[in-house]
Amino acid sequence: MFLLAFDPESVREPSEKQAAELAETSEMNLRYAYFGTRVHIAAAGFEPERLRVPLLDFVHCVLLAARAVSGGQQGRISFTESSILIEFVPTGENLAVLRSWDPVPGSCGTAEFLETAYRFSTDALRGIAERYPSFRRNAYHDVLSGMIQAIKPAEQ
């Protein structure tokens, strides 16, 4: 079992100025200064937890972890603003899910993780683009879309 979801109601709205600059603003601004939200994560072995994160940075890190895992390597989600770390360590067909703040490990299937990462990332991008269509014109939207497409075959 693996859960990764965000609460659309908790997504912090950009200021008027930020919204007006969405098509042109930098990747760094989008990753760290826009769309803070609550993310829920759970795996077999530990209860769901809620983290407050910048959504697009979290999506980026999830996609990097998925790319590593799909290549048979260890994936990790790290947070620029803190020392929190979530690691996904391959153990056969499964992954050990390790959180730096809790010694209790979790686990999930590798295919399940990749499918969940794909769905989570797709939902996040779609949700932002539906509310702010100009986001689709930002080069970083294309970067994230490409990263999502790179893990899509693992879902099937």
C-alpha atoms as a PDB file:
ATOM      1  CA  MET A   1       0.000   0.000   0.000  1.00  0.00           C
ATOM      2  CA  PHE A   2       1.264   3.448  -0.910  1.00  0.00           C
ATOM      3  CA  LEU A   3      -0.563   6.771  -0.654  1.00  0.00           C
ATOM      4  CA  LEU A   4       0.607  10.090  -2.003  1.00  0.00           C
ATOM      5  CA  ALA A   5      -1.995  12.835  -2.324  1.00  0.00           C
ATOM      6  CA  PHE A   6      -2.360  16.570  -1.912  1.00  0.00           C
ATOM      7  CA  ASP A   7      -5.271  18.511  -0.544  1.00  0.00           C
ATOM      8  CA  PRO A   8      -6.465  20.819  -3.367  1.00  0.00           C
ATOM      9  CA  GLU A   9      -8.288  22.987  -0.830  1.00  0.00           C
ATOM     10  CA  SER A  10      -5.023  23.669   0.999  1.00  0.00           C
ATOM     11  CA  VAL A  11      -3.108  24.929  -2.053  1.00  0.00           C
ATOM     12  CA  ARG A  12      -2.005  28.471  -1.315  1.00  0.00           C
ATOM     13  CA  GLU A  13      -3.160  30.843  -4.016  1.00  0.00           C
ATOM     14  CA  PRO A  14      -0.508  32.993  -5.690  1.00  0.00           C
ATOM     15  CA  SER A  15      -0.681  36.753  -5.229  1.00  0.00           C
ATOM     16  CA  GLU A  16      -2.119  38.805  -8.096  1.00  0.00           C
ATOM     17  CA  LYS A  17       1.415  39.724  -9.151  1.00  0.00           C
ATOM     18  CA  GLN A  18       2.562  36.082  -9.041  1.00  0.00           C
ATOM     19  CA  ALA A  19      -0.495  34.951 -11.026  1.00  0.00           C
ATOM     20  CA  ALA A  20       0.191  37.602 -13.670  1.00  0.00           C
ATOM     21  CA  GLU A  21       3.800  36.368 -14.026  1.00  0.00           C
ATOM     22  CA  LEU A  22       3.036  32.651 -14.068  1.00  0.00           C
ATOM     23  CA  ALA A  23       3.916  32.124 -17.743  1.00  0.00           C
ATOM     24  CA  GLU A  24       7.324  33.777 -17.414  1.00  0.00           C
ATOM     25  CA  THR A  25       8.514  33.216 -13.858  1.00  0.00           C
ATOM     26  CA  SER A  26      11.538  31.033 -13.183  1.00  0.00           C
ATOM     27  CA  GLU A  27      11.598  27.371 -12.252  1.00  0.00           C
ATOM     28  CA  MET A  28      13.008  28.337  -8.851  1.00  0.00           C
ATOM     29  CA  ASN A  29      10.114  30.687  -8.169  1.00  0.00           C
ATOM     30  CA  LEU A  30       7.589  28.044  -9.189  1.00  0.00           C
ATOM     31  CA  ARG A  31       9.256  25.345  -7.125  1.00  0.00           C
ATOM     32  CA  TYR A  32       9.666  27.308  -3.909  1.00  0.00           C
ATOM     33  CA  ALA A  33       7.478  30.440  -3.880  1.00  0.00           C
ATOM     34  CA  TYR A  34       4.200  29.178  -5.375  1.00  0.00           C
ATOM     35  CA  PHE A  35       1.491  26.676  -4.439  1.00  0.00           C
ATOM     36  CA  GLY A  36       2.321  25.600  -0.902  1.00  0.00           C
ATOM     37  CA  THR A  37       0.009  22.754   0.140  1.00  0.00           C
ATOM     38  CA  ARG A  38      -0.561  19.808   2.446  1.00  0.00           C
ATOM     39  CA  VAL A  39       0.627  16.461   1.135  1.00  0.00           C
ATOM     40  CA  HIS A  40      -0.460  13.135   2.585  1.00  0.00           C
ATOM     41  CA  ILE A  41       1.906  10.170   2.482  1.00  0.00           C
ATOM     42  CA  ALA A  42       1.460   6.621   3.805  1.00  0.00           C
ATOM     43  CA  ALA A  43       2.871   3.175   3.173  1.00  0.00           C
ATOM     44  CA  ALA A  44       2.312  -0.274   4.601  1.00  0.00           C
ATOM     45  CA  GLY A  45       3.826  -0.145   8.069  1.00  0.00           C
ATOM     46  CA  PHE A  46       3.092   3.453   8.997  1.00  0.00           C
ATOM     47  CA  GLU A  47       0.049   5.662   9.327  1.00  0.00           C
ATOM     48  CA  PRO A  48      -0.722   8.511   6.931  1.00  0.00           C
ATOM     49  CA  GLU A  49       1.262  11.658   7.620  1.00  0.00           C
ATOM     50  CA  ARG A  50       0.602  15.199   6.534  1.00  0.00           C
ATOM     51  CA  LEU A  51       3.436  17.456   5.383  1.00  0.00           C
ATOM     52  CA  ARG A  52       3.267  21.130   4.393  1.00  0.00           C
ATOM     53  CA  VAL A  53       5.357  21.526   1.215  1.00  0.00           C
ATOM     54  CA  PRO A  54       5.751  23.646  -1.921  1.00  0.00           C
ATOM     55  CA  LEU A  55       3.740  21.482  -4.332  1.00  0.00           C
ATOM     56  CA  LEU A  56       5.816  21.820  -7.500  1.00  0.00           C
ATOM     57  CA  ASP A  57       9.087  21.195  -5.683  1.00  0.00           C
ATOM     58  CA  PHE A  58       7.576  18.084  -4.123  1.00  0.00           C
ATOM     59  CA  VAL A  59       6.318  16.930  -7.538  1.00  0.00           C
ATOM     60  CA  HIS A  60       9.802  17.465  -8.976  1.00  0.00           C
ATOM     61  CA  CYS A  61      11.388  15.409  -6.185  1.00  0.00           C
ATOM     62  CA  VAL A  62       8.781  12.631  -6.515  1.00  0.00           C
ATOM     63  CA  LEU A  63       9.504  12.419 -10.241  1.00  0.00           C
ATOM     64  CA  LEU A  64      13.261  12.250  -9.647  1.00  0.00           C
ATOM     65  CA  ALA A  65      12.687   9.470  -7.097  1.00  0.00           C
ATOM     66  CA  ALA A  66      10.447   7.621  -9.570  1.00  0.00           C
ATOM     67  CA  ARG A  67      13.088   7.889 -12.289  1.00  0.00           C
ATOM     68  CA  ALA A  68      15.724   6.429  -9.957  1.00  0.00           C
ATOM     69  CA  VAL A  69      13.424   3.632  -8.758  1.00  0.00           C
ATOM     70  CA  SER A  70      12.382   2.726 -12.316  1.00  0.00           C
ATOM     71  CA  GLY A  71      16.107   2.299 -13.053  1.00  0.00           C
ATOM     72  CA  GLY A  72      16.511  -0.069 -10.100  1.00  0.00           C
ATOM     73  CA  GLN A  73      18.198   2.533  -7.917  1.00  0.00           C
ATOM     74  CA  GLN A  74      17.334   4.120  -4.602  1.00  0.00           C
ATOM     75  CA  GLY A  75      15.052   7.138  -4.895  1.00  0.00           C
ATOM     76  CA  ARG A  76      14.796  10.011  -2.457  1.00  0.00           C
ATOM     77  CA  ILE A  77      12.690  13.031  -1.735  1.00  0.00           C
ATOM     78  CA  SER A  78      14.634  15.749   0.012  1.00  0.00           C
ATOM     79  CA  PHE A  79      13.502  19.148   1.144  1.00  0.00           C
ATOM     80  CA  THR A  80      15.572  22.253   0.504  1.00  0.00           C
ATOM     81  CA  GLU A  81      14.067  24.074   3.458  1.00  0.00           C
ATOM     82  CA  SER A  82      14.632  21.280   6.009  1.00  0.00           C
ATOM     83  CA  SER A  83      16.580  18.115   6.725  1.00  0.00           C
ATOM     84  CA  ILE A  84      13.549  15.876   6.110  1.00  0.00           C
ATOM     85  CA  LEU A  85      14.284  12.968   3.791  1.00  0.00           C
ATOM     86  CA  ILE A  86      12.123  10.168   2.389  1.00  0.00           C
ATOM     87  CA  GLU A  87      13.985   7.290   0.778  1.00  0.00           C
ATOM     88  CA  PHE A  88      12.701   4.472  -1.431  1.00  0.00           C
ATOM     89  CA  VAL A  89      15.094   1.546  -1.255  1.00  0.00           C
ATOM     90  CA  PRO A  90      14.596  -1.390  -3.669  1.00  0.00           C
ATOM     91  CA  THR A  91      14.138  -4.787  -2.006  1.00  0.00           C
ATOM     92  CA  GLY A  92      13.251  -7.151  -4.828  1.00  0.00           C
ATOM     93  CA  GLU A  93       9.825  -6.243  -6.257  1.00  0.00           C
ATOM     94  CA  ASN A  94       9.146  -3.917  -3.327  1.00  0.00           C
ATOM     95  CA  LEU A  95      10.519  -0.733  -1.843  1.00  0.00           C
ATOM     96  CA  ALA A  96      11.403   0.031   1.740  1.00  0.00           C
ATOM     97  CA  VAL A  97      10.035   3.508   2.531  1.00  0.00           C
ATOM     98  CA  LEU A  98      12.306   5.215   5.048  1.00  0.00           C
ATOM     99  CA  ARG A  99      11.581   8.576   6.666  1.00  0.00           C
ATOM    100  CA  SER A 100      14.345  10.522   8.361  1.00  0.00           C
ATOM    101  CA  TRP A 101      12.085  11.650  11.201  1.00  0.00           C
ATOM    102  CA  ASP A 102      10.674   8.232  12.143  1.00  0.00           C
ATOM    103  CA  PRO A 103      12.588   4.970  12.624  1.00  0.00           C
ATOM    104  CA  VAL A 104       9.535   2.874  11.655  1.00  0.00           C
ATOM    105  CA  PRO A 105       9.983   1.772   8.030  1.00  0.00           C
ATOM    106  CA  GLY A 106       7.192   1.324   5.540  1.00  0.00           C
ATOM    107  CA  SER A 107       6.969  -0.638   2.330  1.00  0.00           C
ATOM    108  CA  CYS A 108       5.153  -0.717  -0.989  1.00  0.00           C
ATOM    109  CA  GLY A 109       5.393  -2.412  -4.347  1.00  0.00           C
ATOM    110  CA  THR A 110       7.689  -0.787  -6.883  1.00  0.00           C
ATOM    111  CA  ALA A 111       4.973  -0.742  -9.565  1.00  0.00           C
ATOM    112  CA  GLU A 112       2.515   0.746  -7.074  1.00  0.00           C
ATOM    113  CA  PHE A 113       4.974   3.514  -6.178  1.00  0.00           C
ATOM    114  CA  LEU A 114       5.563   4.377  -9.833  1.00  0.00           C
ATOM    115  CA  GLU A 115       1.841   4.392 -10.597  1.00  0.00           C
ATOM    116  CA  THR A 116       1.135   6.595  -7.566  1.00  0.00           C
ATOM    117  CA  ALA A 117       3.974   8.989  -8.462  1.00  0.00           C
ATOM    118  CA  TYR A 118       2.589   9.280 -11.988  1.00  0.00           C
ATOM    119  CA  ARG A 119      -0.975   9.925 -10.800  1.00  0.00           C
ATOM    120  CA  PHE A 120       0.067  12.377  -8.063  1.00  0.00           C
ATOM    121  CA  SER A 121       2.250  14.408 -10.425  1.00  0.00           C
ATOM    122  CA  THR A 122      -0.335  14.414 -13.216  1.00  0.00           C
ATOM    123  CA  ASP A 123      -3.079  15.526 -10.820  1.00  0.00           C
ATOM    124  CA  ALA A 124      -0.921  18.321  -9.407  1.00  0.00           C
ATOM    125  CA  LEU A 125       0.035  19.716 -12.827  1.00  0.00           C
ATOM    126  CA  ARG A 126      -3.494  19.399 -14.165  1.00  0.00           C
ATOM    127  CA  GLY A 127      -4.987  21.046 -11.075  1.00  0.00           C
ATOM    128  CA  ILE A 128      -2.690  24.055 -11.296  1.00  0.00           C
ATOM    129  CA  ALA A 129      -3.107  24.415 -15.066  1.00  0.00           C
ATOM    130  CA  GLU A 130      -6.903  24.261 -14.807  1.00  0.00           C
ATOM    131  CA  ARG A 131      -6.928  27.068 -12.240  1.00  0.00           C
ATOM    132  CA  TYR A 132      -4.143  29.047 -13.940  1.00  0.00           C
ATOM    133  CA  PRO A 133      -4.066  28.306 -17.703  1.00  0.00           C
ATOM    134  CA  SER A 134      -1.041  30.577 -18.202  1.00  0.00           C
ATOM    135  CA  PHE A 135       1.017  28.016 -16.241  1.00  0.00           C
ATOM    136  CA  ARG A 136       0.921  25.809 -19.360  1.00  0.00           C
ATOM    137  CA  ARG A 137       3.009  28.439 -21.182  1.00  0.00           C
ATOM    138  CA  ASN A 138       5.790  28.317 -18.604  1.00  0.00           C
ATOM    139  CA  ALA A 139       8.842  26.294 -19.718  1.00  0.00           C
ATOM    140  CA  TYR A 140       8.884  24.515 -16.349  1.00  0.00           C
ATOM    141  CA  HIS A 141       5.427  23.059 -17.069  1.00  0.00           C
ATOM    142  CA  ASP A 142       6.989  21.365 -20.103  1.00  0.00           C
ATOM    143  CA  VAL A 143       9.920  20.106 -18.005  1.00  0.00           C
ATOM    144  CA  LEU A 144       7.590  18.504 -15.461  1.00  0.00           C
ATOM    145  CA  SER A 145       5.327  17.112 -18.207  1.00  0.00           C
ATOM    146  CA  GLY A 146       8.346  15.454 -19.801  1.00  0.00           C
ATOM    147  CA  MET A 147       9.420  13.983 -16.476  1.00  0.00           C
ATOM    148  CA  ILE A 148       5.901  12.592 -15.986  1.00  0.00           C
ATOM    149  CA  GLN A 149       5.846  11.043 -19.452  1.00  0.00           C
ATOM    150  CA  ALA A 150       9.205   9.392 -18.776  1.00  0.00           C
ATOM    151  CA  ILE A 151       7.674   7.309 -15.971  1.00  0.00           C
ATOM    152  CA  LYS A 152       4.335   6.623 -17.684  1.00  0.00           C
ATOM    153  CA  PRO A 153       5.390   3.255 -19.226  1.00  0.00           C
ATOM    154  CA  ALA A 154       6.144   1.922 -15.733  1.00  0.00           C
ATOM    155  CA  GLU A 155       2.464   2.329 -14.892  1.00  0.00           C
ATOM    156  CA  GLN A 156       1.254   0.032 -17.649  1.00  0.00           C
END
